[in-house]
Amino acid sequence: MTEPTQPAQPEEETTMDQNETEERIHSVEVTQATQAATLAGAQATQAATDAGTTATNAAMHAGLLGTMAAGSVSLIVGIFLGMAIRGARN
């Protein structure tokens, strides 16, 4: 006994109509635009962060140098003031 064979079915072709193709292209374009905007925002944020860090470091150095200069001047004035007081006592 032989088994009955099924007739060969034609392979289904996957076709996209024009509207579906345009929708997919639009979706890809929107995704790329979103990624570009995200990257631009990240770069702007990084630039602002770097500028803030640079400004903070400059202010810190200026404050440190100002404090050191004031301390040095105070030390020298104190030494001469001490010498003057000691000389006045003798």
PDB file of N, CA and C in Angstrom:
ATOM      1  N   MET A   1       0.817  -1.161   0.000  1.00  0.00           N
ATOM      2  CA  MET A   1       0.000   0.000   0.000  1.00  0.00           C
ATOM      3  C   MET A   1       0.879   1.248   0.000  1.00  0.00           C
ATOM      4  N   THR A   2       0.519   2.165  -0.798  1.00  0.00           N
ATOM      5  CA  THR A   2       1.304   3.393  -0.856  1.00  0.00           C
ATOM      6  C   THR A   2       0.509   4.507  -0.204  1.00  0.00           C
ATOM      7  N   GLU A   3       1.275   5.368   0.407  1.00  0.00           N
ATOM      8  CA  GLU A   3       0.627   6.491   1.086  1.00  0.00           C
ATOM      9  C   GLU A   3       0.286   7.559   0.056  1.00  0.00           C
ATOM     10  N   PRO A   4      -0.836   8.191   0.278  1.00  0.00           N
ATOM     11  CA  PRO A   4      -1.187   9.252  -0.668  1.00  0.00           C
ATOM     12  C   PRO A   4      -0.262  10.450  -0.458  1.00  0.00           C
ATOM     13  N   THR A   5       0.141  11.031  -1.510  1.00  0.00           N
ATOM     14  CA  THR A   5       1.023  12.197  -1.420  1.00  0.00           C
ATOM     15  C   THR A   5       0.200  13.461  -1.548  1.00  0.00           C
ATOM     16  N   GLN A   6       0.657  14.427  -0.818  1.00  0.00           N
ATOM     17  CA  GLN A   6      -0.050  15.702  -0.868  1.00  0.00           C
ATOM     18  C   GLN A   6       0.515  16.522  -2.020  1.00  0.00           C
ATOM     19  N   PRO A   7      -0.324  17.262  -2.640  1.00  0.00           N
ATOM     20  CA  PRO A   7       0.182  18.082  -3.744  1.00  0.00           C
ATOM     21  C   PRO A   7       1.145  19.141  -3.195  1.00  0.00           C
ATOM     22  N   ALA A   8       2.155  19.423  -3.942  1.00  0.00           N
ATOM     23  CA  ALA A   8       3.150  20.412  -3.526  1.00  0.00           C
ATOM     24  C   ALA A   8       2.495  21.781  -3.429  1.00  0.00           C
ATOM     25  N   GLN A   9       2.759  22.442  -2.272  1.00  0.00           N
ATOM     26  CA  GLN A   9       2.188  23.771  -2.084  1.00  0.00           C
ATOM     27  C   GLN A   9       3.203  24.806  -2.567  1.00  0.00           C
ATOM     28  N   PRO A  10       2.742  25.765  -3.273  1.00  0.00           N
ATOM     29  CA  PRO A  10       3.688  26.794  -3.715  1.00  0.00           C
ATOM     30  C   PRO A  10       4.199  27.577  -2.506  1.00  0.00           C
ATOM     31  N   GLU A  11       5.489  27.900  -2.528  1.00  0.00           N
ATOM     32  CA  GLU A  11       6.061  28.656  -1.417  1.00  0.00           C
ATOM     33  C   GLU A  11       5.465  30.054  -1.417  1.00  0.00           C
ATOM     34  N   GLU A  12       5.147  30.489  -0.197  1.00  0.00           N
ATOM     35  CA  GLU A  12       4.563  31.816  -0.078  1.00  0.00           C
ATOM     36  C   GLU A  12       5.691  32.845  -0.149  1.00  0.00           C
ATOM     37  N   GLU A  13       5.503  33.802  -0.952  1.00  0.00           N
ATOM     38  CA  GLU A  13       6.481  34.870  -1.055  1.00  0.00           C
ATOM     39  C   GLU A  13       6.096  35.970  -0.083  1.00  0.00           C
ATOM     40  N   THR A  14       7.102  36.465   0.619  1.00  0.00           N
ATOM     41  CA  THR A  14       6.818  37.566   1.533  1.00  0.00           C
ATOM     42  C   THR A  14       7.058  38.859   0.787  1.00  0.00           C
ATOM     43  N   THR A  15       6.010  39.565   0.592  1.00  0.00           N
ATOM     44  CA  THR A  15       6.121  40.849  -0.098  1.00  0.00           C
ATOM     45  C   THR A  15       5.574  41.926   0.819  1.00  0.00           C
ATOM     46  N   MET A  16       6.186  43.102   0.725  1.00  0.00           N
ATOM     47  CA  MET A  16       5.705  44.239   1.497  1.00  0.00           C
ATOM     48  C   MET A  16       5.132  45.244   0.516  1.00  0.00           C
ATOM     49  N   ASP A  17       4.023  45.769   0.880  1.00  0.00           N
ATOM     50  CA  ASP A  17       3.485  46.811   0.017  1.00  0.00           C
ATOM     51  C   ASP A  17       4.214  48.125   0.292  1.00  0.00           C
ATOM     52  N   GLN A  18       3.969  49.094  -0.514  1.00  0.00           N
ATOM     53  CA  GLN A  18       4.675  50.377  -0.447  1.00  0.00           C
ATOM     54  C   GLN A  18       4.478  51.059   0.905  1.00  0.00           C
ATOM     55  N   ASN A  19       3.271  51.021   1.446  1.00  0.00           N
ATOM     56  CA  ASN A  19       2.988  51.691   2.716  1.00  0.00           C
ATOM     57  C   ASN A  19       3.775  51.077   3.864  1.00  0.00           C
ATOM     58  N   GLU A  20       3.840  49.745   3.894  1.00  0.00           N
ATOM     59  CA  GLU A  20       4.570  49.074   4.964  1.00  0.00           C
ATOM     60  C   GLU A  20       6.064  49.394   4.876  1.00  0.00           C
ATOM     61  N   THR A  21       6.596  49.442   3.674  1.00  0.00           N
ATOM     62  CA  THR A  21       8.000  49.791   3.478  1.00  0.00           C
ATOM     63  C   THR A  21       8.262  51.217   3.960  1.00  0.00           C
ATOM     64  N   GLU A  22       7.388  52.141   3.602  1.00  0.00           N
ATOM     65  CA  GLU A  22       7.547  53.527   4.033  1.00  0.00           C
ATOM     66  C   GLU A  22       7.457  53.648   5.543  1.00  0.00           C
ATOM     67  N   GLU A  23       6.568  52.898   6.161  1.00  0.00           N
ATOM     68  CA  GLU A  23       6.431  52.927   7.616  1.00  0.00           C
ATOM     69  C   GLU A  23       7.703  52.423   8.292  1.00  0.00           C
ATOM     70  N   ARG A  24       8.274  51.363   7.771  1.00  0.00           N
ATOM     71  CA  ARG A  24       9.514  50.833   8.347  1.00  0.00           C
ATOM     72  C   ARG A  24      10.671  51.816   8.183  1.00  0.00           C
ATOM     73  N   ILE A  25      10.749  52.419   7.022  1.00  0.00           N
ATOM     74  CA  ILE A  25      11.811  53.406   6.781  1.00  0.00           C
ATOM     75  C   ILE A  25      11.631  54.593   7.721  1.00  0.00           C
ATOM     76  N   HIS A  26      10.400  55.040   7.873  1.00  0.00           N
ATOM     77  CA  HIS A  26      10.126  56.152   8.789  1.00  0.00           C
ATOM     78  C   HIS A  26      10.514  55.781  10.217  1.00  0.00           C
ATOM     79  N   SER A  27      10.206  54.574  10.616  1.00  0.00           N
ATOM     80  CA  SER A  27      10.548  54.113  11.958  1.00  0.00           C
ATOM     81  C   SER A  27      12.067  54.123  12.167  1.00  0.00           C
ATOM     82  N   VAL A  28      12.812  53.680  11.174  1.00  0.00           N
ATOM     83  CA  VAL A  28      14.275  53.675  11.263  1.00  0.00           C
ATOM     84  C   VAL A  28      14.796  55.108  11.332  1.00  0.00           C
ATOM     85  N   GLU A  29      14.210  55.995  10.531  1.00  0.00           N
ATOM     86  CA  GLU A  29      14.633  57.399  10.548  1.00  0.00           C
ATOM     87  C   GLU A  29      14.384  58.036  11.906  1.00  0.00           C
ATOM     88  N   VAL A  30      13.225  57.757  12.499  1.00  0.00           N
ATOM     89  CA  VAL A  30      12.894  58.308  13.815  1.00  0.00           C
ATOM     90  C   VAL A  30      13.868  57.778  14.858  1.00  0.00           C
ATOM     91  N   THR A  31      14.173  56.501  14.784  1.00  0.00           N
ATOM     92  CA  THR A  31      15.115  55.904  15.732  1.00  0.00           C
ATOM     93  C   THR A  31      16.493  56.540  15.600  1.00  0.00           C
ATOM     94  N   GLN A  32      16.950  56.736  14.379  1.00  0.00           N
ATOM     95  CA  GLN A  32      18.258  57.358  14.170  1.00  0.00           C
ATOM     96  C   GLN A  32      18.263  58.802  14.664  1.00  0.00           C
ATOM     97  N   ALA A  33      17.193  59.530  14.422  1.00  0.00           N
ATOM     98  CA  ALA A  33      17.117  60.918  14.893  1.00  0.00           C
ATOM     99  C   ALA A  33      17.132  60.966  16.420  1.00  0.00           C
ATOM    100  N   THR A  34      16.436  60.038  17.041  1.00  0.00           N
ATOM    101  CA  THR A  34      16.414  59.975  18.505  1.00  0.00           C
ATOM    102  C   THR A  34      17.804  59.677  19.053  1.00  0.00           C
ATOM    103  N   GLN A  35      18.489  58.732  18.422  1.00  0.00           N
ATOM    104  CA  GLN A  35      19.843  58.401  18.869  1.00  0.00           C
ATOM    105  C   GLN A  35      20.794  59.576  18.676  1.00  0.00           C
ATOM    106  N   ALA A  36      20.658  60.291  17.572  1.00  0.00           N
ATOM    107  CA  ALA A  36      21.512  61.455  17.320  1.00  0.00           C
ATOM    108  C   ALA A  36      21.258  62.541  18.360  1.00  0.00           C
ATOM    109  N   ALA A  37      19.994  62.770  18.695  1.00  0.00           N
ATOM    110  CA  ALA A  37      19.659  63.783  19.704  1.00  0.00           C
ATOM    111  C   ALA A  37      20.178  63.363  21.077  1.00  0.00           C
ATOM    112  N   THR A  38      20.069  62.093  21.394  1.00  0.00           N
ATOM    113  CA  THR A  38      20.572  61.592  22.667  1.00  0.00           C
ATOM    114  C   THR A  38      22.078  61.765  22.760  1.00  0.00           C
ATOM    115  N   LEU A  39      22.775  61.448  21.679  1.00  0.00           N
ATOM    116  CA  LEU A  39      24.230  61.604  21.654  1.00  0.00           C
ATOM    117  C   LEU A  39      24.616  63.068  21.790  1.00  0.00           C
ATOM    118  N   ALA A  40      23.918  63.954  21.092  1.00  0.00           N
ATOM    119  CA  ALA A  40      24.210  65.384  21.191  1.00  0.00           C
ATOM    120  C   ALA A  40      23.977  65.885  22.615  1.00  0.00           C
ATOM    121  N   GLY A  41      22.920  65.418  23.239  1.00  0.00           N
ATOM    122  CA  GLY A  41      22.649  65.805  24.629  1.00  0.00           C
ATOM    123  C   GLY A  41      23.720  65.304  25.576  1.00  0.00           C
ATOM    124  N   ALA A  42      24.167  64.082  25.367  1.00  0.00           N
ATOM    125  CA  ALA A  42      25.222  63.519  26.214  1.00  0.00           C
ATOM    126  C   ALA A  42      26.525  64.291  26.040  1.00  0.00           C
ATOM    127  N   GLN A  43      26.835  64.675  24.807  1.00  0.00           N
ATOM    128  CA  GLN A  43      28.057  65.433  24.564  1.00  0.00           C
ATOM    129  C   GLN A  43      27.971  66.820  25.187  1.00  0.00           C
ATOM    130  N   ALA A  44      26.814  67.457  25.095  1.00  0.00           N
ATOM    131  CA  ALA A  44      26.637  68.777  25.705  1.00  0.00           C
ATOM    132  C   ALA A  44      26.758  68.689  27.226  1.00  0.00           C
ATOM    133  N   THR A  45      26.187  67.644  27.799  1.00  0.00           N
ATOM    134  CA  THR A  45      26.282  67.441  29.241  1.00  0.00           C
ATOM    135  C   THR A  45      27.728  67.226  29.667  1.00  0.00           C
ATOM    136  N   GLN A  46      28.458  66.432  28.896  1.00  0.00           N
ATOM    137  CA  GLN A  46      29.859  66.182  29.205  1.00  0.00           C
ATOM    138  C   GLN A  46      30.678  67.466  29.113  1.00  0.00           C
ATOM    139  N   ALA A  47      30.408  68.281  28.093  1.00  0.00           N
ATOM    140  CA  ALA A  47      31.128  69.548  27.940  1.00  0.00           C
ATOM    141  C   ALA A  47      30.839  70.474  29.120  1.00  0.00           C
ATOM    142  N   ALA A  48      29.589  70.541  29.544  1.00  0.00           N
ATOM    143  CA  ALA A  48      29.232  71.380  30.682  1.00  0.00           C
ATOM    144  C   ALA A  48      29.879  70.867  31.968  1.00  0.00           C
ATOM    145  N   THR A  49      29.926  69.563  32.119  1.00  0.00           N
ATOM    146  CA  THR A  49      30.568  68.971  33.291  1.00  0.00           C
ATOM    147  C   THR A  49      32.054  69.294  33.314  1.00  0.00           C
ATOM    148  N   ASP A  50      32.704  69.172  32.158  1.00  0.00           N
ATOM    149  CA  ASP A  50      34.129  69.494  32.072  1.00  0.00           C
ATOM    150  C   ASP A  50      34.382  70.966  32.383  1.00  0.00           C
ATOM    151  N   ALA A  51      33.532  71.845  31.856  1.00  0.00           N
ATOM    152  CA  ALA A  51      33.689  73.280  32.127  1.00  0.00           C
ATOM    153  C   ALA A  51      33.498  73.573  33.611  1.00  0.00           C
ATOM    154  N   GLY A  52      32.527  72.934  34.225  1.00  0.00           N
ATOM    155  CA  GLY A  52      32.297  73.117  35.663  1.00  0.00           C
ATOM    156  C   GLY A  52      33.469  72.622  36.488  1.00  0.00           C
ATOM    157  N   THR A  53      34.017  71.492  36.097  1.00  0.00           N
ATOM    158  CA  THR A  53      35.176  70.949  36.810  1.00  0.00           C
ATOM    159  C   THR A  53      36.373  71.876  36.693  1.00  0.00           C
ATOM    160  N   THR A  54      36.593  72.405  35.495  1.00  0.00           N
ATOM    161  CA  THR A  54      37.709  73.327  35.276  1.00  0.00           C
ATOM    162  C   THR A  54      37.530  74.598  36.105  1.00  0.00           C
ATOM    163  N   ALA A  55      36.321  75.141  36.116  1.00  0.00           N
ATOM    164  CA  ALA A  55      36.059  76.349  36.899  1.00  0.00           C
ATOM    165  C   ALA A  55      36.234  76.091  38.393  1.00  0.00           C
ATOM    166  N   THR A  56      35.779  74.938  38.845  1.00  0.00           N
ATOM    167  CA  THR A  56      35.926  74.589  40.254  1.00  0.00           C
ATOM    168  C   THR A  56      37.397  74.465  40.635  1.00  0.00           C
ATOM    169  N   ASN A  57      38.180  73.814  39.791  1.00  0.00           N
ATOM    170  CA  ASN A  57      39.606  73.661  40.073  1.00  0.00           C
ATOM    171  C   ASN A  57      40.314  75.004  40.071  1.00  0.00           C
ATOM    172  N   ALA A  58      39.956  75.884  39.143  1.00  0.00           N
ATOM    173  CA  ALA A  58      40.574  77.213  39.099  1.00  0.00           C
ATOM    174  C   ALA A  58      40.253  78.004  40.365  1.00  0.00           C
ATOM    175  N   ALA A  59      39.003  77.941  40.797  1.00  0.00           N
ATOM    176  CA  ALA A  59      38.617  78.643  42.026  1.00  0.00           C
ATOM    177  C   ALA A  59      39.327  78.059  43.238  1.00  0.00           C
ATOM    178  N   MET A  60      39.459  76.745  43.265  1.00  0.00           N
ATOM    179  CA  MET A  60      40.140  76.095  44.381  1.00  0.00           C
ATOM    180  C   MET A  60      41.604  76.528  44.444  1.00  0.00           C
ATOM    181  N   HIS A  61      42.263  76.556  43.286  1.00  0.00           N
ATOM    182  CA  HIS A  61      43.670  76.968  43.264  1.00  0.00           C
ATOM    183  C   HIS A  61      43.825  78.431  43.657  1.00  0.00           C
ATOM    184  N   ALA A  62      42.927  79.271  43.155  1.00  0.00           N
ATOM    185  CA  ALA A  62      42.994  80.685  43.511  1.00  0.00           C
ATOM    186  C   ALA A  62      42.790  80.870  45.015  1.00  0.00           C
ATOM    187  N   GLY A  63      41.842  80.174  45.582  1.00  0.00           N
ATOM    188  CA  GLY A  63      41.595  80.259  47.028  1.00  0.00           C
ATOM    189  C   GLY A  63      42.772  79.745  47.833  1.00  0.00           C
ATOM    190  N   LEU A  64      43.347  78.655  47.385  1.00  0.00           N
ATOM    191  CA  LEU A  64      44.497  78.078  48.091  1.00  0.00           C
ATOM    192  C   LEU A  64      45.688  79.023  48.040  1.00  0.00           C
ATOM    193  N   LEU A  65      45.955  79.567  46.853  1.00  0.00           N
ATOM    194  CA  LEU A  65      47.083  80.490  46.727  1.00  0.00           C
ATOM    195  C   LEU A  65      46.843  81.769  47.528  1.00  0.00           C
ATOM    196  N   GLY A  66      45.626  82.262  47.528  1.00  0.00           N
ATOM    197  CA  GLY A  66      45.297  83.447  48.329  1.00  0.00           C
ATOM    198  C   GLY A  66      45.500  83.197  49.808  1.00  0.00           C
ATOM    199  N   THR A  67      45.069  82.052  50.273  1.00  0.00           N
ATOM    200  CA  THR A  67      45.230  81.693  51.682  1.00  0.00           C
ATOM    201  C   THR A  67      46.706  81.550  52.045  1.00  0.00           C
ATOM    202  N   MET A  68      47.467  80.909  51.160  1.00  0.00           N
ATOM    203  CA  MET A  68      48.902  80.749  51.427  1.00  0.00           C
ATOM    204  C   MET A  68      49.614  82.101  51.442  1.00  0.00           C
ATOM    205  N   ALA A  69      49.239  82.983  50.515  1.00  0.00           N
ATOM    206  CA  ALA A  69      49.866  84.312  50.473  1.00  0.00           C
ATOM    207  C   ALA A  69      49.526  85.102  51.732  1.00  0.00           C
ATOM    208  N   ALA A  70      48.272  85.047  52.135  1.00  0.00           N
ATOM    209  CA  ALA A  70      47.870  85.760  53.346  1.00  0.00           C
ATOM    210  C   ALA A  70      48.588  85.201  54.573  1.00  0.00           C
ATOM    211  N   GLY A  71      48.726  83.899  54.620  1.00  0.00           N
ATOM    212  CA  GLY A  71      49.443  83.275  55.734  1.00  0.00           C
ATOM    213  C   GLY A  71      50.904  83.665  55.753  1.00  0.00           C
ATOM    214  N   SER A  72      51.531  83.725  54.596  1.00  0.00           N
ATOM    215  CA  SER A  72      52.943  84.107  54.508  1.00  0.00           C
ATOM    216  C   SER A  72      53.138  85.550  54.940  1.00  0.00           C
ATOM    217  N   VAL A  73      52.279  86.437  54.462  1.00  0.00           N
ATOM    218  CA  VAL A  73      52.374  87.851  54.852  1.00  0.00           C
ATOM    219  C   VAL A  73      52.163  87.989  56.348  1.00  0.00           C
ATOM    220  N   SER A  74      51.191  87.283  56.896  1.00  0.00           N
ATOM    221  CA  SER A  74      50.927  87.344  58.341  1.00  0.00           C
ATOM    222  C   SER A  74      52.128  86.855  59.132  1.00  0.00           C
ATOM    223  N   LEU A  75      52.785  85.813  58.668  1.00  0.00           N
ATOM    224  CA  LEU A  75      53.960  85.288  59.365  1.00  0.00           C
ATOM    225  C   LEU A  75      55.085  86.322  59.380  1.00  0.00           C
ATOM    226  N   ILE A  76      55.336  86.917  58.234  1.00  0.00           N
ATOM    227  CA  ILE A  76      56.422  87.901  58.145  1.00  0.00           C
ATOM    228  C   ILE A  76      56.107  89.131  59.003  1.00  0.00           C
ATOM    229  N   VAL A  77      54.871  89.619  58.926  1.00  0.00           N
ATOM    230  CA  VAL A  77      54.476  90.771  59.752  1.00  0.00           C
ATOM    231  C   VAL A  77      54.585  90.411  61.225  1.00  0.00           C
ATOM    232  N   GLY A  78      54.182  89.206  61.569  1.00  0.00           N
ATOM    233  CA  GLY A  78      54.272  88.776  62.972  1.00  0.00           C
ATOM    234  C   GLY A  78      55.713  88.725  63.468  1.00  0.00           C
ATOM    235  N   ILE A  79      56.608  88.256  62.606  1.00  0.00           N
ATOM    236  CA  ILE A  79      58.026  88.197  63.007  1.00  0.00           C
ATOM    237  C   ILE A  79      58.560  89.606  63.274  1.00  0.00           C
ATOM    238  N   PHE A  80      58.307  90.519  62.328  1.00  0.00           N
ATOM    239  CA  PHE A  80      58.808  91.884  62.513  1.00  0.00           C
ATOM    240  C   PHE A  80      58.132  92.587  63.690  1.00  0.00           C
ATOM    241  N   LEU A  81      56.846  92.320  63.884  1.00  0.00           N
ATOM    242  CA  LEU A  81      56.137  92.903  65.017  1.00  0.00           C
ATOM    243  C   LEU A  81      56.719  92.378  66.329  1.00  0.00           C
ATOM    244  N   GLY A  82      57.001  91.077  66.364  1.00  0.00           N
ATOM    245  CA  GLY A  82      57.621  90.494  67.560  1.00  0.00           C
ATOM    246  C   GLY A  82      58.991  91.087  67.830  1.00  0.00           C
ATOM    247  N   MET A  83      59.787  91.296  66.767  1.00  0.00           N
ATOM    248  CA  MET A  83      61.105  91.906  66.936  1.00  0.00           C
ATOM    249  C   MET A  83      60.986  93.339  67.421  1.00  0.00           C
ATOM    250  N   ALA A  84      59.984  94.074  66.919  1.00  0.00           N
ATOM    251  CA  ALA A  84      59.784  95.462  67.342  1.00  0.00           C
ATOM    252  C   ALA A  84      59.370  95.532  68.812  1.00  0.00           C
ATOM    253  N   ILE A  85      58.480  94.638  69.210  1.00  0.00           N
ATOM    254  CA  ILE A  85      58.025  94.614  70.613  1.00  0.00           C
ATOM    255  C   ILE A  85      59.196  94.271  71.522  1.00  0.00           C
ATOM    256  N   ARG A  86      59.993  93.299  71.123  1.00  0.00           N
ATOM    257  CA  ARG A  86      61.140  92.886  71.949  1.00  0.00           C
ATOM    258  C   ARG A  86      62.160  94.020  72.043  1.00  0.00           C
ATOM    259  N   GLY A  87      62.390  94.709  70.919  1.00  0.00           N
ATOM    260  CA  GLY A  87      63.324  95.840  70.944  1.00  0.00           C
ATOM    261  C   GLY A  87      62.813  96.983  71.810  1.00  0.00           C
ATOM    262  N   ALA A  88      61.515  97.185  71.858  1.00  0.00           N
ATOM    263  CA  ALA A  88      60.943  98.260  72.665  1.00  0.00           C
ATOM    264  C   ALA A  88      61.051  97.942  74.151  1.00  0.00           C
ATOM    265  N   ARG A  89      61.067  96.682  74.506  1.00  0.00           N
ATOM    266  CA  ARG A  89      61.150  96.289  75.917  1.00  0.00           C
ATOM    267  C   ARG A  89      62.548  96.462  76.460  1.00  0.00           C
ATOM    268  N   ASN A  90      63.538  96.404  75.620  1.00  0.00           N
ATOM    269  CA  ASN A  90      64.934  96.493  76.081  1.00  0.00           C
ATOM    270  C   ASN A  90      65.399  97.888  76.179  1.00  0.00           C
TER     271      ASN A  90
END
